[in-house]
Amino acid sequence: MSEKLSKQEVARGWFYPRSLTFGSQAMLPLTELLDVDGGFLVSGQVKIVAEVGLLEVVGKSDVLEETLLVNGGINVNGFQVLPSQVESVNNLFKNHPDIASNFRLENTHLRTTYLNSLLCLTELLCQSPHKLSNVDLSNAHCTLTCVTKAGFKLDWLEKKLKEVGKTRMQQLEQNLKDLKKSLCWSSDDEDDLSRSVKT
């Protein structure tokens, strides 16, 4: 294509499904496009070529999973779940068959939200206790309270959370002892420090 019969514009933009307008409205005036002596119309035809270069993908495409969930998802024990969650949810109901026997919410979206919270909680508590922060444990306790009040039977998970919390507390106490030892503190040092802070 000759330089004379081409026009190029460089632009940056975000593409997303709900965008109804994107492009350049003033790239080429219609009079220039149709000009018989120097326009782009050749033998009654115009060839339009667009080249799109992808610089970066932000996020991930989960359109398929979102579509499945909106359109019904996969039913596992009365809960609509994503394909990636089926195995986890099946295992949850296999290991704890009465887990949802008191769960009475009918709204599909609320049911899914509570189940997702429960799945996140179980994943969190499967981690090594030393990887969990105090904030993680506090949030886990709040989530457990919430999903329990919604009707899930989670005695086993409450026990697990207490065990993880106890293990985490023991690790923190050991870390504090190690720190004191590395600083060569004794009870006399603590008394001296305490007196110097008071004066």
C-alpha atoms as a PDB file:
ATOM      1  CA  MET A   1       0.000   0.000   0.000  1.00  0.00           C
ATOM      2  CA  SER A   2       1.472   3.360  -0.952  1.00  0.00           C
ATOM      3  CA  GLU A   3       2.170   6.070   1.599  1.00  0.00           C
ATOM      4  CA  LYS A   4      -0.069   8.399  -0.381  1.00  0.00           C
ATOM      5  CA  LEU A   5      -3.020   6.040  -0.126  1.00  0.00           C
ATOM      6  CA  SER A   6      -2.631   5.203   3.539  1.00  0.00           C
ATOM      7  CA  LYS A   7      -3.185   6.913   6.822  1.00  0.00           C
ATOM      8  CA  GLN A   8      -1.878   5.763  10.166  1.00  0.00           C
ATOM      9  CA  GLU A   9      -2.858   6.690  13.687  1.00  0.00           C
ATOM     10  CA  VAL A  10      -1.278   5.417  16.869  1.00  0.00           C
ATOM     11  CA  ALA A  11      -3.482   5.257  19.950  1.00  0.00           C
ATOM     12  CA  ARG A  12      -3.700   3.594  23.327  1.00  0.00           C
ATOM     13  CA  GLY A  13      -6.869   2.278  24.833  1.00  0.00           C
ATOM     14  CA  TRP A  14      -8.500  -0.206  27.138  1.00  0.00           C
ATOM     15  CA  PHE A  15     -10.704  -2.819  25.568  1.00  0.00           C
ATOM     16  CA  TYR A  16     -13.529  -4.288  27.545  1.00  0.00           C
ATOM     17  CA  PRO A  17     -16.771  -6.035  26.579  1.00  0.00           C
ATOM     18  CA  ARG A  18     -19.171  -3.224  27.438  1.00  0.00           C
ATOM     19  CA  SER A  19     -17.378  -0.592  25.354  1.00  0.00           C
ATOM     20  CA  LEU A  20     -19.709   0.450  22.560  1.00  0.00           C
ATOM     21  CA  THR A  21     -17.480   3.155  21.111  1.00  0.00           C
ATOM     22  CA  PHE A  22     -13.778   2.997  20.603  1.00  0.00           C
ATOM     23  CA  GLY A  23     -11.664   4.425  17.868  1.00  0.00           C
ATOM     24  CA  SER A  24     -11.123   7.753  16.188  1.00  0.00           C
ATOM     25  CA  GLN A  25     -14.059   9.681  14.809  1.00  0.00           C
ATOM     26  CA  ALA A  26     -11.899  12.252  13.034  1.00  0.00           C
ATOM     27  CA  MET A  27      -9.147  10.147  11.514  1.00  0.00           C
ATOM     28  CA  LEU A  28     -10.120  10.768   7.915  1.00  0.00           C
ATOM     29  CA  PRO A  29     -12.712  13.231   6.609  1.00  0.00           C
ATOM     30  CA  LEU A  30     -15.262  11.705   4.232  1.00  0.00           C
ATOM     31  CA  THR A  31     -14.361  14.251   1.510  1.00  0.00           C
ATOM     32  CA  GLU A  32     -10.743  13.078   1.563  1.00  0.00           C
ATOM     33  CA  LEU A  33     -11.806   9.441   1.525  1.00  0.00           C
ATOM     34  CA  LEU A  34     -14.015   9.932  -1.547  1.00  0.00           C
ATOM     35  CA  ASP A  35     -11.840  12.457  -3.432  1.00  0.00           C
ATOM     36  CA  VAL A  36     -11.672  11.256  -7.054  1.00  0.00           C
ATOM     37  CA  ASP A  37      -8.177  12.676  -7.674  1.00  0.00           C
ATOM     38  CA  GLY A  38      -6.337  11.663  -4.551  1.00  0.00           C
ATOM     39  CA  GLY A  39      -8.687   9.860  -2.276  1.00  0.00           C
ATOM     40  CA  PHE A  40      -8.639   6.361  -0.998  1.00  0.00           C
ATOM     41  CA  LEU A  41     -11.437   5.126  -3.212  1.00  0.00           C
ATOM     42  CA  VAL A  42      -9.842   2.909  -5.876  1.00  0.00           C
ATOM     43  CA  SER A  43     -12.065   1.257  -8.475  1.00  0.00           C
ATOM     44  CA  GLY A  44     -15.049   1.959  -6.253  1.00  0.00           C
ATOM     45  CA  GLN A  45     -13.524   0.148  -3.252  1.00  0.00           C
ATOM     46  CA  VAL A  46     -11.784   1.134  -0.027  1.00  0.00           C
ATOM     47  CA  LYS A  47      -9.517  -1.276   1.743  1.00  0.00           C
ATOM     48  CA  ILE A  48      -9.415  -0.809   5.514  1.00  0.00           C
ATOM     49  CA  VAL A  49      -6.687  -2.590   7.441  1.00  0.00           C
ATOM     50  CA  ALA A  50      -6.330  -2.404  11.199  1.00  0.00           C
ATOM     51  CA  GLU A  51      -3.333  -3.620  13.103  1.00  0.00           C
ATOM     52  CA  VAL A  52      -3.688  -3.994  16.845  1.00  0.00           C
ATOM     53  CA  GLY A  53      -0.651  -4.567  18.989  1.00  0.00           C
ATOM     54  CA  LEU A  54      -1.091  -6.002  22.471  1.00  0.00           C
ATOM     55  CA  LEU A  55       1.246  -4.394  24.957  1.00  0.00           C
ATOM     56  CA  GLU A  56      -0.018  -5.869  28.206  1.00  0.00           C
ATOM     57  CA  VAL A  57      -2.815  -8.015  29.541  1.00  0.00           C
ATOM     58  CA  VAL A  58      -4.124  -6.815  32.866  1.00  0.00           C
ATOM     59  CA  GLY A  59      -5.892  -9.420  34.985  1.00  0.00           C
ATOM     60  CA  LYS A  60      -7.131 -12.714  33.690  1.00  0.00           C
ATOM     61  CA  SER A  61     -10.032 -13.768  31.607  1.00  0.00           C
ATOM     62  CA  ASP A  62     -12.612 -15.492  33.704  1.00  0.00           C
ATOM     63  CA  VAL A  63     -15.490 -14.691  31.401  1.00  0.00           C
ATOM     64  CA  LEU A  64     -16.248 -18.378  30.866  1.00  0.00           C
ATOM     65  CA  GLU A  65     -16.498 -19.092  34.591  1.00  0.00           C
ATOM     66  CA  GLU A  66     -18.518 -15.928  35.244  1.00  0.00           C
ATOM     67  CA  THR A  67     -20.872 -16.836  32.394  1.00  0.00           C
ATOM     68  CA  LEU A  68     -21.299 -20.346  33.763  1.00  0.00           C
ATOM     69  CA  LEU A  69     -22.112 -18.988  37.195  1.00  0.00           C
ATOM     70  CA  VAL A  70     -24.600 -16.415  35.904  1.00  0.00           C
ATOM     71  CA  ASN A  71     -26.227 -18.994  33.646  1.00  0.00           C
ATOM     72  CA  GLY A  72     -26.544 -21.585  36.372  1.00  0.00           C
ATOM     73  CA  GLY A  73     -23.092 -22.995  37.008  1.00  0.00           C
ATOM     74  CA  ILE A  74     -22.756 -26.553  38.188  1.00  0.00           C
ATOM     75  CA  ASN A  75     -25.073 -27.765  40.919  1.00  0.00           C
ATOM     76  CA  VAL A  76     -23.311 -29.491  43.796  1.00  0.00           C
ATOM     77  CA  ASN A  77     -25.590 -30.355  46.735  1.00  0.00           C
ATOM     78  CA  GLY A  78     -27.881 -27.428  45.947  1.00  0.00           C
ATOM     79  CA  PHE A  79     -25.079 -24.875  45.484  1.00  0.00           C
ATOM     80  CA  GLN A  80     -24.143 -23.353  42.136  1.00  0.00           C
ATOM     81  CA  VAL A  81     -20.366 -23.555  41.786  1.00  0.00           C
ATOM     82  CA  LEU A  82     -17.727 -22.891  39.164  1.00  0.00           C
ATOM     83  CA  PRO A  83     -16.051 -25.828  37.409  1.00  0.00           C
ATOM     84  CA  SER A  84     -12.829 -25.042  39.287  1.00  0.00           C
ATOM     85  CA  GLN A  85     -14.679 -25.422  42.618  1.00  0.00           C
ATOM     86  CA  VAL A  86     -16.483 -28.714  41.992  1.00  0.00           C
ATOM     87  CA  GLU A  87     -13.776 -30.952  43.456  1.00  0.00           C
ATOM     88  CA  SER A  88     -13.349 -28.812  46.596  1.00  0.00           C
ATOM     89  CA  VAL A  89     -17.086 -28.609  47.215  1.00  0.00           C
ATOM     90  CA  ASN A  90     -17.549 -32.352  46.620  1.00  0.00           C
ATOM     91  CA  ASN A  91     -14.759 -33.076  49.123  1.00  0.00           C
ATOM     92  CA  LEU A  92     -16.326 -30.696  51.631  1.00  0.00           C
ATOM     93  CA  PHE A  93     -19.686 -32.496  51.453  1.00  0.00           C
ATOM     94  CA  LYS A  94     -18.037 -35.934  51.403  1.00  0.00           C
ATOM     95  CA  ASN A  95     -16.061 -35.226  54.589  1.00  0.00           C
ATOM     96  CA  HIS A  96     -18.895 -33.318  56.311  1.00  0.00           C
ATOM     97  CA  PRO A  97     -22.233 -34.585  54.907  1.00  0.00           C
ATOM     98  CA  ASP A  98     -24.408 -32.569  57.299  1.00  0.00           C
ATOM     99  CA  ILE A  99     -22.503 -29.317  56.825  1.00  0.00           C
ATOM    100  CA  ALA A 100     -25.438 -27.518  55.177  1.00  0.00           C
ATOM    101  CA  SER A 101     -28.350 -29.301  56.846  1.00  0.00           C
ATOM    102  CA  ASN A 102     -29.385 -26.084  58.665  1.00  0.00           C
ATOM    103  CA  PHE A 103     -28.551 -23.722  55.797  1.00  0.00           C
ATOM    104  CA  ARG A 104     -31.893 -22.305  54.608  1.00  0.00           C
ATOM    105  CA  LEU A 105     -31.101 -19.390  52.301  1.00  0.00           C
ATOM    106  CA  GLU A 106     -32.911 -19.649  48.962  1.00  0.00           C
ATOM    107  CA  ASN A 107     -31.195 -16.776  47.103  1.00  0.00           C
ATOM    108  CA  THR A 108     -28.676 -18.380  44.730  1.00  0.00           C
ATOM    109  CA  HIS A 109     -26.215 -15.485  44.896  1.00  0.00           C
ATOM    110  CA  LEU A 110     -26.220 -15.427  48.702  1.00  0.00           C
ATOM    111  CA  ARG A 111     -25.821 -19.207  48.851  1.00  0.00           C
ATOM    112  CA  THR A 112     -22.846 -18.947  46.484  1.00  0.00           C
ATOM    113  CA  THR A 113     -21.302 -16.088  48.466  1.00  0.00           C
ATOM    114  CA  TYR A 114     -21.508 -17.989  51.752  1.00  0.00           C
ATOM    115  CA  LEU A 115     -20.097 -21.133  50.164  1.00  0.00           C
ATOM    116  CA  ASN A 116     -17.229 -19.150  48.611  1.00  0.00           C
ATOM    117  CA  SER A 117     -16.456 -17.665  52.038  1.00  0.00           C
ATOM    118  CA  LEU A 118     -16.411 -21.152  53.501  1.00  0.00           C
ATOM    119  CA  LEU A 119     -14.094 -22.428  50.748  1.00  0.00           C
ATOM    120  CA  CYS A 120     -11.699 -19.516  51.303  1.00  0.00           C
ATOM    121  CA  LEU A 121     -11.720 -20.211  55.030  1.00  0.00           C
ATOM    122  CA  THR A 122     -10.906 -23.897  54.578  1.00  0.00           C
ATOM    123  CA  GLU A 123      -8.077 -23.028  52.162  1.00  0.00           C
ATOM    124  CA  LEU A 124      -6.670 -20.511  54.642  1.00  0.00           C
ATOM    125  CA  LEU A 125      -6.703 -22.996  57.516  1.00  0.00           C
ATOM    126  CA  CYS A 126      -4.897 -25.601  55.406  1.00  0.00           C
ATOM    127  CA  GLN A 127      -1.852 -23.342  55.307  1.00  0.00           C
ATOM    128  CA  SER A 128       1.021 -23.698  57.733  1.00  0.00           C
ATOM    129  CA  PRO A 129       0.265 -21.657  60.901  1.00  0.00           C
ATOM    130  CA  HIS A 130       3.548 -19.741  60.655  1.00  0.00           C
ATOM    131  CA  LYS A 131       2.406 -18.338  57.298  1.00  0.00           C
ATOM    132  CA  LEU A 132      -0.738 -16.850  58.847  1.00  0.00           C
ATOM    133  CA  SER A 133      -0.740 -13.375  60.317  1.00  0.00           C
ATOM    134  CA  ASN A 134      -2.780 -12.233  63.276  1.00  0.00           C
ATOM    135  CA  VAL A 135      -5.009 -10.378  60.804  1.00  0.00           C
ATOM    136  CA  ASP A 136      -5.547 -13.616  58.846  1.00  0.00           C
ATOM    137  CA  LEU A 137      -6.626 -15.393  62.020  1.00  0.00           C
ATOM    138  CA  SER A 138      -8.898 -12.536  63.078  1.00  0.00           C
ATOM    139  CA  ASN A 139     -10.548 -12.456  59.648  1.00  0.00           C
ATOM    140  CA  ALA A 140     -10.911 -16.241  59.732  1.00  0.00           C
ATOM    141  CA  HIS A 141     -12.698 -16.008  63.078  1.00  0.00           C
ATOM    142  CA  CYS A 142     -15.098 -13.345  61.731  1.00  0.00           C
ATOM    143  CA  THR A 143     -15.799 -15.396  58.604  1.00  0.00           C
ATOM    144  CA  LEU A 144     -16.399 -18.527  60.663  1.00  0.00           C
ATOM    145  CA  THR A 145     -18.868 -16.662  62.873  1.00  0.00           C
ATOM    146  CA  CYS A 146     -20.699 -15.290  59.841  1.00  0.00           C
ATOM    147  CA  VAL A 147     -21.076 -18.561  57.941  1.00  0.00           C
ATOM    148  CA  THR A 148     -22.016 -20.414  61.141  1.00  0.00           C
ATOM    149  CA  LYS A 149     -24.802 -17.908  61.834  1.00  0.00           C
ATOM    150  CA  ALA A 150     -26.021 -18.468  58.268  1.00  0.00           C
ATOM    151  CA  GLY A 151     -26.632 -22.123  59.129  1.00  0.00           C
ATOM    152  CA  PHE A 152     -23.504 -24.093  58.253  1.00  0.00           C
ATOM    153  CA  LYS A 153     -22.472 -26.748  60.791  1.00  0.00           C
ATOM    154  CA  LEU A 154     -18.804 -25.999  61.325  1.00  0.00           C
ATOM    155  CA  ASP A 155     -17.799 -27.443  64.715  1.00  0.00           C
ATOM    156  CA  TRP A 156     -14.898 -29.222  63.009  1.00  0.00           C
ATOM    157  CA  LEU A 157     -13.689 -25.961  61.441  1.00  0.00           C
ATOM    158  CA  GLU A 158     -13.999 -24.045  64.715  1.00  0.00           C
ATOM    159  CA  LYS A 159     -11.818 -26.718  66.348  1.00  0.00           C
ATOM    160  CA  LYS A 160      -9.279 -26.401  63.510  1.00  0.00           C
ATOM    161  CA  LEU A 161      -9.206 -22.588  63.875  1.00  0.00           C
ATOM    162  CA  LYS A 162      -8.563 -22.908  67.627  1.00  0.00           C
ATOM    163  CA  GLU A 163      -5.737 -25.371  66.974  1.00  0.00           C
ATOM    164  CA  VAL A 164      -4.167 -23.101  64.369  1.00  0.00           C
ATOM    165  CA  GLY A 165      -4.522 -20.100  66.692  1.00  0.00           C
ATOM    166  CA  LYS A 166      -2.928 -22.014  69.561  1.00  0.00           C
ATOM    167  CA  THR A 167      -0.041 -23.156  67.343  1.00  0.00           C
ATOM    168  CA  ARG A 168       0.447 -19.600  66.085  1.00  0.00           C
ATOM    169  CA  MET A 169       0.479 -18.268  69.664  1.00  0.00           C
ATOM    170  CA  GLN A 170       3.101 -20.863  70.670  1.00  0.00           C
ATOM    171  CA  GLN A 171       5.237 -19.819  67.700  1.00  0.00           C
ATOM    172  CA  LEU A 172       4.981 -16.149  68.679  1.00  0.00           C
ATOM    173  CA  GLU A 173       5.897 -16.960  72.292  1.00  0.00           C
ATOM    174  CA  GLN A 174       8.896 -18.982  71.103  1.00  0.00           C
ATOM    175  CA  ASN A 175       9.958 -16.130  68.809  1.00  0.00           C
ATOM    176  CA  LEU A 176       9.756 -13.727  71.768  1.00  0.00           C
ATOM    177  CA  LYS A 177      11.870 -16.081  73.937  1.00  0.00           C
ATOM    178  CA  ASP A 178      14.425 -16.388  71.132  1.00  0.00           C
ATOM    179  CA  LEU A 179      14.525 -12.632  70.730  1.00  0.00           C
ATOM    180  CA  LYS A 180      15.068 -12.107  74.458  1.00  0.00           C
ATOM    181  CA  LYS A 181      17.788 -14.746  74.435  1.00  0.00           C
ATOM    182  CA  SER A 182      19.521 -13.152  71.451  1.00  0.00           C
ATOM    183  CA  LEU A 183      19.487  -9.821  73.254  1.00  0.00           C
ATOM    184  CA  CYS A 184      20.842 -11.543  76.377  1.00  0.00           C
ATOM    185  CA  TRP A 185      18.081 -10.192  78.563  1.00  0.00           C
ATOM    186  CA  SER A 186      17.574 -11.408  82.038  1.00  0.00           C
ATOM    187  CA  SER A 187      14.859 -10.626  84.536  1.00  0.00           C
ATOM    188  CA  ASP A 188      17.262  -8.073  86.112  1.00  0.00           C
ATOM    189  CA  ASP A 189      17.585  -6.373  82.706  1.00  0.00           C
ATOM    190  CA  GLU A 190      13.808  -6.158  82.463  1.00  0.00           C
ATOM    191  CA  ASP A 191      13.648  -4.586  85.955  1.00  0.00           C
ATOM    192  CA  ASP A 192      16.353  -2.064  84.970  1.00  0.00           C
ATOM    193  CA  LEU A 193      14.530  -1.234  81.757  1.00  0.00           C
ATOM    194  CA  SER A 194      11.280  -0.863  83.641  1.00  0.00           C
ATOM    195  CA  ARG A 195      12.873   1.521  86.192  1.00  0.00           C
ATOM    196  CA  SER A 196      14.527   3.637  83.470  1.00  0.00           C
ATOM    197  CA  VAL A 197      11.226   4.015  81.625  1.00  0.00           C
ATOM    198  CA  LYS A 198       9.476   5.195  84.816  1.00  0.00           C
ATOM    199  CA  THR A 199      12.106   7.911  85.534  1.00  0.00           C
END
